Amino acid sequence: MSEDNQGILWEVFLQPKPGRPFKHVGSLHAYDKKMAMTSARDLYTRRGEGKGIWLVKSQDIVSSHPEDGEAFFDPSNDKVYRHPTFYSIPDGVKHI
């Protein structure tokens, strides 16, 4: 529960059409998932914008931070251990 007594902060993702990816459209406060779903429907699909809704508690989202530095995002080309050619394949293995 948030300290300001507004409930849990939820991130809202909408799917515009079946088969399309979900996109982040905003956030809202609610005390439980049922209230969050109702609020998301009322706030973000009033004009038929979406065909599907995902809700995620903000506290459950894991993300990188600017202080992680550039090394975190370095291309994998310089990290030979990430390439399968670094490992030898045992005899008898047919499909990898």
Foldseek 3Di string as FASTA:
>chain_A
DDPVPQAFKKWKWFAQDPPGDTHTDGIGHDNDDVRVVVVCCVPPCPPNRGDDMDIDGPVPDDDDDPVVDPVVVDDCPVVVVVDPVVDDDDPPDDDD
